[in-house]
Every structure is written in structure tokens, then in C-alpha cells.
């Protein structure tokens, strides 16, 4: 007798993947003119699905490897997209505002988050340091709501260009500080034993390798694709395959050499954008990456919603909510605003650049990476605090970003 209504786990997984793909295709266009972003909808779909079906499938400490690799991939795609959008990646005008955010606002955010984690949440020093590191970078995925012009077009907005360039580079720069927390957790508070090693290897060398590898790979890919191949062949090259090459090759080579792959992917895309002036090809690369990114973003935020529904009792803790909200509406905005004083930007521009330092998928990646590399006290509470911060960032920034985007043309 043939079997009907099979419920094999693999088939259920395919069904879920199909539903997520459908949502990723339909939700963004439906919300195009609405004051709400797709991640908000995905989170609430996850919450409702969990409450309706009673499925308790998200167990972060048991699924760290899976979480790390999925979030890693979507961040890589988002970094490539950010690099492709920047038309003049090697001009000072592209970086003069984001450099201030990277050199002033980011360290300030790391320190402030660490202090809040230690003082309010009662975290051990290593755990507090890890919270500061993972929550500090502007997420390149969520920051796409306010990214600069499409590939090949002029970067007309100082705010959008600043957020794009900052998001592109600071996800890689959060890695040394994540390693600082890991070394503190594994080697102890006597920093004299490991501080010099951290600064030389995990800060200077790994950053240098990542940047150098990215620049080399980007230049080589450009030469191979657009210089060696004939003009009539270029049009037949698969945009999907080329996009994957631009993401995977710099990342893998940099990681093999011991560098930071996130930086390599961003700089490879930047140098690719700098040389390639064919707008159609650049748009094709960007569009494919964006489609790929939208599917994984839907998957991750639906899973985030499921986690929230499963662990709402651990999230509804007053100190945790205070710290999460403070990070989103006080720490980053104040740090960013101070960093941008004296730049000549008007108040609206300074507010937009500082307030929209969004927290998201990159933070989840660093959390999973660090918890896989070392044992941290209060890991479950740290996970809850990170998810709460991301939720508030998605909610507050996602609801307000569209209205601010319309005002940018007036004040920027």
C-alpha cells in the first residue's frame, strides 16, 4: 500500500524552506511603500508560528555551529552588496564620516555595552566584553534599509554613504574585540600573558591579511572576468556564479591565510566596483546577491521570532530590557553624535548617521562564534540580551527608517 501524508523530517524541512522562500519573494514588495521593514514581519511570523504550532526547535547552545554558518553566509552576501554599492571606494570623501564612527563611536559603544553588561546584568568580565564586541557593529544586512545609491550611480547622500561604508567595514573590525573576550575567557584576567599576542596577531596581522587578500582577489576577479574574456562572452557569464565567486573566494582565501574573511569580501567588492564601470553588470551582481540575502534574512528572523516565543519569560526581565533599549536609543546615538561633531554635517545628518547604527545578524554570528570557541558564564542570559537588543533595533529602526529616508533628500 502506498503511504500518504508522510511527515518525514526532511520533507518538512523542504516545506518550511519553500514557505520561507515564498515569504522572502512576496513580503518585501508588499511593504515597499509602507512604514515597516520585512524583518519585523518575519519576527512576528516566527512568534505566531511558534505559539500556534507549539514547535520548540530553536536551542541556541545546541545549534551553535548551524547558527554560525547560516548567519556567516548572509553577512558575507550583505558585505559584498555594500562594497558593490560604493562607486568611489578609495576616495576620502567616502570614508570621512564613517572613519569617525569606526574610530570613536565603535570603541565607545564596546566600552559602554561592556560596562552595562557587568554593572546592570552582573556578567563576568569576559561575558561583558563579549557583549560589547558583538553588539558594536552596524549590521550590513539591516543597514540596507538606508544604503547608498545602486551600483554605478553617484553616491548622492552623505548619510546613506556613511552608513553603507561603516556597515561594510565594522563587521570585520568587531572580530579583534570578539577575540579579546575569547582570550580573556580562556587565558584569564592576567592580560600580560596574552595582550601583546592579541594586538599583534588578532588585531594588526589578521586585519592586514584580510584587507590585502580582499584587494588582491577583487583585482584578480576583475581582470579574469572583464579583461581576459571577450566582450561578447561577458554577457553570457552567469551573474549568480560570479556573485558567489566574489563572496566565497576572498573569504576562503583570507581565512586560510589567517585573516578576517569579512574584511576580505567587503574590500574585494569595493575594488571590483572601483574598476568595473558597466552599470548593467554591477546591477546584475548586486541583484542576485540581494535575492540570495532576502531568503536567508527571512529564515533567520523567523527563527528569531520562534526563539522569542519560546523564551519570552527570559526576555521579560527588567534589567535585560533596560540594557537592550539603552543600547539602541541611547548608547549608539550618543556615541555617533559625539563622533560626528565638527564634521560640518547638520543636526539631521548627525542624528541619522548616529541613530541608525542597527544591530542584527552580525551580532548573532559573533555570539555563536564566540560561544563555540570558549566557555562564557551566563551564556543563556547573554543570548537573551542579544536577541532583545536586536528585536528593539529591528522594531524601532524598521518602523522609522522609511520616514527618515524620505527626509534625507530634504536635509542631506
Protein backbone atom coordinates (compact mmCIF):
# COMPACT_ATOMS: atom_id res chain seq x y z
CA UNK A 1 0.00 0.00 0.00
CA UNK A 2 1.35 3.47 -0.84
CA UNK A 3 1.92 5.83 2.03
CA UNK A 4 0.05 9.11 2.17
CA UNK A 5 0.54 12.17 4.38
CA UNK A 6 4.18 11.40 5.10
CA UNK A 7 5.83 13.51 7.81
CA UNK A 8 9.49 12.72 7.26
CA UNK A 9 11.71 15.45 8.86
CA UNK A 10 13.48 16.08 5.56
CA UNK A 11 10.20 16.68 3.74
CA UNK A 12 9.05 19.03 6.49
CA UNK A 13 12.33 20.90 6.14
CA UNK A 14 11.76 21.30 2.40
CA UNK A 15 8.23 22.51 3.09
CA UNK A 16 9.49 25.12 5.56
CA UNK A 17 12.20 26.22 3.10
CA UNK A 18 9.57 26.65 0.38
CA UNK A 19 7.34 28.73 2.64
CA UNK A 20 10.28 30.92 3.69
CA UNK A 21 11.31 31.39 0.04
CA UNK A 22 7.75 32.44 -0.83
CA UNK A 23 7.69 34.94 2.04
CA UNK A 24 11.09 36.32 1.00
CA UNK A 25 9.74 36.86 -2.52
CA UNK A 26 6.39 38.39 -1.54
CA UNK A 27 6.89 40.36 1.71
CA UNK A 28 9.49 42.98 0.58
CA UNK A 29 7.48 44.17 -2.47
CA UNK A 30 4.28 44.33 -0.41
CA UNK A 31 5.99 46.55 2.18
CA UNK A 32 7.76 48.76 -0.36
CA UNK A 33 5.61 51.80 0.36
CA UNK A 34 4.78 51.03 3.97
CA UNK A 35 6.50 52.33 7.12
CA UNK A 36 7.60 48.90 8.22
CA UNK A 37 10.52 46.67 7.26
CA UNK A 38 10.38 42.96 6.29
CA UNK A 39 12.38 41.70 9.34
CA UNK A 40 9.59 42.95 11.63
CA UNK A 41 7.05 40.85 9.74
CA UNK A 42 9.35 37.81 9.76
CA UNK A 43 9.84 38.04 13.52
CA UNK A 44 6.11 38.20 14.17
CA UNK A 45 5.50 35.31 11.76
CA UNK A 46 8.00 33.30 13.81
CA UNK A 47 6.30 34.27 17.08
CA UNK A 48 2.81 33.39 15.81
CA UNK A 49 4.01 30.13 14.22
CA UNK A 50 5.65 29.00 17.43
CA UNK A 51 2.65 29.86 19.59
CA UNK A 52 0.21 28.27 17.14
CA UNK A 53 2.14 25.07 16.44
CA UNK A 54 3.91 24.74 19.77
CA UNK A 55 7.16 23.92 17.98
CA UNK A 56 10.20 24.27 20.20
CA UNK A 57 13.01 23.82 17.74
CA UNK A 58 15.43 26.69 18.49
CA UNK A 59 18.01 25.65 21.08
CA UNK A 60 20.94 28.03 20.53
CA UNK A 61 23.54 26.36 22.75
CA UNK A 62 22.93 23.05 20.98
CA UNK A 63 22.87 24.57 17.49
CA UNK A 64 25.82 26.97 17.60
CA UNK A 65 27.54 25.57 14.51
CA UNK A 66 24.41 25.78 12.37
CA UNK A 67 23.63 29.31 13.60
CA UNK A 68 27.20 30.43 12.99
CA UNK A 69 27.34 29.19 9.39
CA UNK A 70 23.91 30.47 8.34
CA UNK A 71 24.48 33.95 9.79
CA UNK A 72 28.03 33.98 8.45
CA UNK A 73 26.78 33.43 4.90
CA UNK A 74 24.15 36.16 4.96
CA UNK A 75 26.63 38.67 6.42
CA UNK A 76 29.11 37.80 3.65
CA UNK A 77 26.49 38.42 0.98
CA UNK A 78 25.47 41.72 2.62
CA UNK A 79 29.11 42.84 2.82
CA UNK A 80 29.60 42.13 -0.88
CA UNK A 81 26.48 44.14 -1.66
CA UNK A 82 27.71 47.05 0.46
CA UNK A 83 31.04 47.07 -1.39
CA UNK A 84 29.37 46.94 -4.81
CA UNK A 85 27.17 49.94 -3.95
CA UNK A 86 30.10 52.27 -3.21
CA UNK A 87 31.08 53.92 -6.50
CA UNK A 88 34.30 55.57 -5.28
CA UNK A 89 35.63 53.30 -2.52
CA UNK A 90 39.12 54.81 -2.48
CA UNK A 91 38.22 58.48 -2.15
CA UNK A 92 38.49 60.19 1.24
CA UNK A 93 35.00 61.67 0.81
CA UNK A 94 33.60 58.14 1.01
CA UNK A 95 35.15 57.47 4.41
CA UNK A 96 35.47 60.79 6.21
CA UNK A 97 32.30 60.28 8.29
CA UNK A 98 32.42 56.51 8.70
CA UNK A 99 36.04 56.70 9.91
CA UNK A 100 34.91 58.86 12.81
CA UNK A 101 32.18 56.34 13.62
CA UNK A 102 34.70 53.50 13.46
CA UNK A 103 37.44 55.21 15.48
CA UNK A 104 35.26 56.97 18.10
CA UNK A 105 31.70 55.62 18.19
CA UNK A 106 32.57 51.92 17.90
CA UNK A 107 35.10 51.79 20.80
CA UNK A 108 32.76 53.95 22.90
CA UNK A 109 29.89 51.52 22.20
CA UNK A 110 32.04 48.50 23.08
CA UNK A 111 33.10 50.00 26.40
CA UNK A 112 29.61 51.29 27.31
CA UNK A 113 27.98 47.95 26.46
CA UNK A 114 30.60 46.09 28.48
CA UNK A 115 30.02 48.35 31.50
CA UNK A 116 26.24 47.91 31.27
CA UNK A 117 26.64 44.14 30.94
CA UNK A 118 28.89 43.99 34.00
CA UNK A 119 27.11 46.59 36.17
CA UNK A 120 23.42 46.07 35.36
CA UNK A 121 23.34 42.43 34.19
CA UNK A 122 26.02 41.15 36.58
CA UNK A 123 28.02 39.50 33.80
CA UNK A 124 31.51 38.17 34.39
CA UNK A 125 34.17 40.45 32.80
CA UNK A 126 34.73 38.16 29.79
CA UNK A 127 30.99 37.90 29.08
CA UNK A 128 30.56 41.68 29.43
CA UNK A 129 33.45 42.20 26.98
CA UNK A 130 31.87 39.80 24.53
CA UNK A 131 28.55 41.64 24.70
CA UNK A 132 30.35 44.90 23.94
CA UNK A 133 32.14 43.39 20.95
CA UNK A 134 29.18 41.63 19.35
CA UNK A 135 26.71 44.49 19.76
CA UNK A 136 29.04 47.24 18.47
CA UNK A 137 29.00 46.83 14.67
CA UNK A 138 26.34 48.36 12.43
CA UNK A 139 24.70 45.41 10.70
CA UNK A 140 25.22 45.42 6.91
CA UNK A 141 22.02 43.41 6.44
CA UNK A 142 19.62 45.71 8.30
CA UNK A 143 21.54 48.81 7.22
CA UNK A 144 20.47 48.02 3.64
CA UNK A 145 17.28 49.90 4.52
CA UNK A 146 19.35 53.08 4.35
CA UNK A 147 22.14 52.11 1.97
CA UNK A 148 23.65 54.37 -0.64
CA UNK A 149 22.79 54.51 -4.36
CA UNK A 150 22.61 51.45 -6.60
CA UNK A 151 25.89 50.16 -8.12
CA UNK A 152 27.37 52.50 -10.70
CA UNK A 153 25.29 55.50 -9.60
CA UNK A 154 26.58 58.59 -7.82
CA UNK A 155 26.67 58.44 -4.01
CA UNK A 156 24.46 61.49 -3.52
CA UNK A 157 23.58 61.08 0.17
CA UNK A 158 26.21 61.66 2.86
CA UNK A 159 24.04 59.81 5.41
CA UNK A 160 23.46 56.73 3.27
CA UNK A 161 27.06 56.60 2.08
CA UNK A 162 28.33 56.92 5.65
CA UNK A 163 26.08 54.11 6.91
CA UNK A 164 26.99 51.83 3.98
CA UNK A 165 30.74 52.30 4.32
CA UNK A 166 30.59 51.95 8.11
CA UNK A 167 28.47 48.79 7.96
CA UNK A 168 30.79 47.33 5.35
CA UNK A 169 33.96 47.59 7.39
CA UNK A 170 32.98 47.47 11.06
CA UNK A 171 31.56 43.96 10.91
CA UNK A 172 35.12 42.85 10.25
CA UNK A 173 36.57 45.19 12.86
CA UNK A 174 34.40 43.64 15.56
CA UNK A 175 36.39 40.41 15.21
CA UNK A 176 39.53 41.54 17.12
CA UNK A 177 37.38 42.59 20.09
CA UNK A 178 35.49 39.31 19.99
CA UNK A 179 38.84 37.56 20.16
CA UNK A 180 39.81 39.81 23.06
CA UNK A 181 36.82 38.42 25.00
CA UNK A 182 37.63 34.85 23.94
CA UNK A 183 41.25 35.15 25.10
CA UNK A 184 40.10 36.72 28.36
CA UNK A 185 37.73 33.78 28.92
CA UNK A 186 40.31 31.12 28.05
CA UNK A 187 43.53 32.65 29.39
CA UNK A 188 42.28 34.53 32.43
CA UNK A 189 42.42 38.16 33.59
CA UNK A 190 46.22 38.29 33.71
CA UNK A 191 46.42 40.10 30.38
CA UNK A 192 50.22 40.34 30.47
CA UNK A 193 50.27 36.74 29.22
CA UNK A 194 48.23 37.37 26.06
CA UNK A 195 47.64 41.08 25.41
CA UNK A 196 50.66 41.59 23.14
CA UNK A 197 49.80 38.42 21.20
CA UNK A 198 46.22 39.67 20.76
CA UNK A 199 47.33 43.08 19.47
CA UNK A 200 49.95 41.70 17.07
CA UNK A 201 48.09 38.70 15.67
CA UNK A 202 44.36 39.23 16.19
CA UNK A 203 44.36 42.98 15.61
CA UNK A 204 47.18 44.00 13.28
CA UNK A 205 48.10 40.90 11.26
CA UNK A 206 44.64 39.41 10.73
CA UNK A 207 43.21 42.79 9.67
CA UNK A 208 46.12 43.36 7.29
CA UNK A 209 45.76 39.88 5.76
CA UNK A 210 42.00 40.33 5.33
CA UNK A 211 42.29 43.74 3.64
CA UNK A 212 45.23 42.70 1.41
CA UNK A 213 43.57 39.45 0.36
CA UNK A 214 40.33 41.24 -0.45
CA UNK A 215 42.04 43.85 -2.60
CA UNK A 216 44.05 41.20 -4.43
CA UNK A 217 41.08 38.91 -5.04
CA UNK A 218 38.88 41.76 -6.21
CA UNK A 219 41.50 42.95 -8.69
CA UNK A 220 42.18 39.40 -9.93
CA UNK A 221 38.48 38.60 -10.40
CA UNK A 222 38.00 41.82 -12.33
CA UNK A 223 40.95 41.02 -14.59
CA UNK A 224 39.82 37.46 -15.20
CA UNK A 225 36.19 38.28 -15.90
CA UNK A 226 36.28 41.64 -17.64
CA UNK A 227 39.74 41.87 -19.18
CA UNK A 228 40.65 38.37 -20.36
CA UNK A 229 37.19 37.37 -21.59
CA UNK A 230 35.91 38.92 -24.81
CA UNK A 231 33.11 41.46 -24.80
CA UNK A 232 30.52 39.12 -26.34
CA UNK A 233 31.31 36.44 -23.73
CA UNK A 234 30.78 38.70 -20.70
CA UNK A 235 27.04 38.94 -21.29
CA UNK A 236 26.72 35.16 -21.08
CA UNK A 237 28.53 34.82 -17.75
CA UNK A 238 26.11 33.76 -15.01
CA UNK A 239 25.57 36.61 -12.57
CA UNK A 240 24.83 34.05 -9.85
CA UNK A 241 28.05 32.11 -10.28
CA UNK A 242 30.12 35.30 -10.47
CA UNK A 243 28.42 36.70 -7.37
CA UNK A 244 29.21 33.55 -5.44
CA UNK A 245 32.83 33.73 -6.61
CA UNK A 246 33.06 37.32 -5.38
CA UNK A 247 31.78 36.20 -1.96
CA UNK A 248 33.39 32.80 -1.50
CA UNK A 249 36.89 33.19 -2.98
CA UNK A 250 38.09 36.21 -0.95
CA UNK A 251 36.54 34.82 2.22
CA UNK A 252 38.02 31.33 1.90
CA UNK A 253 41.48 32.52 0.85
CA UNK A 254 41.65 35.08 3.63
CA UNK A 255 40.54 32.59 6.28
CA UNK A 256 43.03 30.00 5.02
CA UNK A 257 45.82 32.60 5.28
CA UNK A 258 44.68 33.50 8.79
CA UNK A 259 42.98 36.83 8.03
CA UNK A 260 39.48 38.17 8.62
CA UNK A 261 37.31 36.99 5.75
CA UNK A 262 34.60 39.59 6.34
CA UNK A 263 37.07 42.38 5.55
CA UNK A 264 38.32 40.47 2.50
CA UNK A 265 34.84 40.16 0.97
CA UNK A 266 34.00 43.82 1.51
CA UNK A 267 37.27 45.10 0.03
CA UNK A 268 37.09 42.64 -2.88
CA UNK A 269 33.66 44.03 -3.74
CA UNK A 270 34.98 47.59 -3.31
CA UNK A 271 37.87 47.14 -5.73
CA UNK A 272 35.58 45.30 -8.13
CA UNK A 273 33.23 48.29 -8.02
CA UNK A 274 36.11 50.72 -8.42
CA UNK A 275 37.30 49.15 -11.68
CA UNK A 276 34.08 47.96 -13.25
CA UNK A 277 32.05 50.82 -14.76
CA UNK A 278 29.49 48.69 -16.65
CA UNK A 279 26.36 49.52 -14.65
CA UNK A 280 24.36 46.60 -16.06
CA UNK A 281 26.91 44.02 -14.91
CA UNK A 282 27.21 45.62 -11.48
CA UNK A 283 23.45 45.70 -11.04
CA UNK A 284 23.22 42.05 -12.04
CA UNK A 285 25.76 41.08 -9.39
CA UNK A 286 24.03 43.20 -6.75
CA UNK A 287 20.52 41.97 -7.62
CA UNK A 288 21.45 38.30 -7.38
CA UNK A 289 23.15 38.84 -4.02
CA UNK A 290 20.11 40.75 -2.80
CA UNK A 291 17.78 37.90 -3.78
CA UNK A 292 20.03 35.39 -2.04
CA UNK A 293 20.25 37.60 1.03
CA UNK A 294 16.48 38.09 1.26
CA UNK A 295 15.85 34.34 1.61
CA UNK A 296 18.37 33.85 4.42
CA UNK A 297 17.23 37.04 6.18
CA UNK A 298 13.65 35.72 6.20
CA UNK A 299 14.85 32.38 7.60
CA UNK A 300 16.96 33.95 10.37
CA UNK A 301 14.35 36.43 11.57
CA UNK A 302 11.55 33.86 11.53
CA UNK A 303 13.83 31.69 13.69
CA UNK A 304 14.44 34.74 15.91
CA UNK A 305 10.68 35.10 16.33
CA UNK A 306 10.41 31.43 17.28
CA UNK A 307 13.17 31.92 19.88
CA UNK A 308 11.36 34.96 21.32
CA UNK A 309 8.12 32.99 21.62
CA UNK A 310 9.91 30.06 23.24
CA UNK A 311 11.86 32.13 25.76
CA UNK A 312 9.66 35.19 26.35
CA UNK A 313 9.85 34.60 30.11
CA UNK A 314 13.64 35.02 29.99
CA UNK A 315 13.33 38.16 27.85
CA UNK A 316 10.75 39.90 30.05
CA UNK A 317 13.32 40.75 32.72
CA UNK A 318 13.54 44.43 33.64
CA UNK A 319 17.37 44.81 33.77
CA UNK A 320 17.68 42.98 30.45
CA UNK A 321 15.06 45.18 28.77
CA UNK A 322 16.66 48.35 30.18
CA UNK A 323 20.11 47.42 28.84
CA UNK A 324 18.74 46.38 25.43
CA UNK A 325 16.74 49.60 24.99
CA UNK A 326 19.62 51.73 26.28
CA UNK A 327 21.94 50.26 23.67
CA UNK A 328 19.54 51.08 20.84
CA UNK A 329 18.21 54.51 21.79
CA UNK A 330 21.00 55.98 23.97
CA UNK A 331 24.49 54.45 23.67
CA UNK A 332 24.94 54.22 19.89
CA UNK A 333 23.11 57.51 19.11
CA UNK A 334 25.11 59.46 21.70
CA UNK A 335 28.41 57.84 20.67
CA UNK A 336 27.74 58.50 16.99
CA UNK A 337 26.59 62.08 17.52
CA UNK A 338 29.69 62.93 19.56
CA UNK A 339 31.92 61.29 16.93
CA UNK A 340 30.43 63.46 14.18
CA UNK A 341 30.75 66.82 15.92
CA UNK A 342 32.89 69.24 13.95
CA UNK A 343 32.37 67.47 10.61
CA UNK A 344 30.17 70.15 9.08
CA UNK A 345 27.14 67.87 8.97
CA UNK A 346 23.83 69.41 10.02
CA UNK A 347 21.89 68.10 13.03
CA UNK A 348 19.62 65.86 10.98
CA UNK A 349 22.58 64.25 9.22
CA UNK A 350 24.41 63.67 12.51
CA UNK A 351 21.24 62.23 14.07
CA UNK A 352 20.58 59.87 11.14
CA UNK A 353 24.16 58.60 10.96
CA UNK A 354 24.32 58.01 14.72
CA UNK A 355 20.81 56.71 15.41
CA UNK A 356 20.70 54.16 12.59
CA UNK A 357 23.64 52.06 13.70
CA UNK A 358 21.45 48.95 13.56
CA UNK A 359 22.11 45.72 15.40
CA UNK A 360 21.21 42.42 13.75
CA UNK A 361 22.51 39.27 12.11
CA UNK A 362 26.19 40.13 12.55
CA UNK A 363 25.69 40.18 16.32
CA UNK A 364 24.14 36.71 16.19
CA UNK A 365 27.13 35.47 14.19
CA UNK A 366 29.70 36.81 16.65
CA UNK A 367 27.71 35.39 19.54
CA UNK A 368 27.64 31.89 18.03
CA UNK A 369 31.30 32.13 17.02
CA UNK A 370 32.49 33.13 20.49
CA UNK A 371 30.33 30.60 22.36
CA UNK A 372 31.74 27.88 20.10
CA UNK A 373 35.32 28.99 20.78
CA UNK A 374 35.19 29.35 24.57
CA UNK A 375 33.04 28.85 27.64
CA UNK A 376 31.40 32.04 28.91
CA UNK A 377 29.49 32.44 32.16
CA UNK A 378 25.82 33.44 31.85
CA UNK A 379 25.74 32.35 28.19
CA UNK A 380 21.94 31.87 28.19
CA UNK A 381 21.38 35.35 29.61
CA UNK A 382 23.80 36.80 27.05
CA UNK A 383 21.83 35.13 24.24
CA UNK A 384 18.58 36.58 25.58
CA UNK A 385 20.10 40.06 25.92
CA UNK A 386 21.49 39.95 22.37
CA UNK A 387 18.14 38.84 20.92
CA UNK A 388 16.28 41.53 22.90
CA UNK A 389 18.66 44.22 21.61
CA UNK A 390 18.25 43.01 18.03
CA UNK A 391 14.45 42.92 18.44
CA UNK A 392 14.30 46.52 19.66
CA UNK A 393 16.69 47.60 16.88
CA UNK A 394 14.61 45.86 14.21
CA UNK A 395 11.39 47.28 15.63
CA UNK A 396 12.49 50.89 16.25
CA UNK A 397 14.73 51.29 13.22
CA UNK A 398 12.46 49.29 10.95
CA UNK A 399 9.42 51.45 11.70
CA UNK A 400 11.23 54.80 11.45
CA UNK A 401 13.75 54.17 8.64
CA UNK A 402 11.31 54.76 5.77
CA UNK A 403 10.14 58.13 7.10
CA UNK A 404 13.74 59.24 7.68
CA UNK A 405 14.68 58.05 4.20
CA UNK A 406 12.14 60.47 2.71
CA UNK A 407 13.54 63.38 4.73
CA UNK A 408 17.13 62.64 3.74
CA UNK A 409 16.58 64.20 0.32
CA UNK A 410 15.46 67.42 2.01
CA UNK A 411 18.20 67.76 4.63
CA UNK A 412 21.11 65.83 3.13
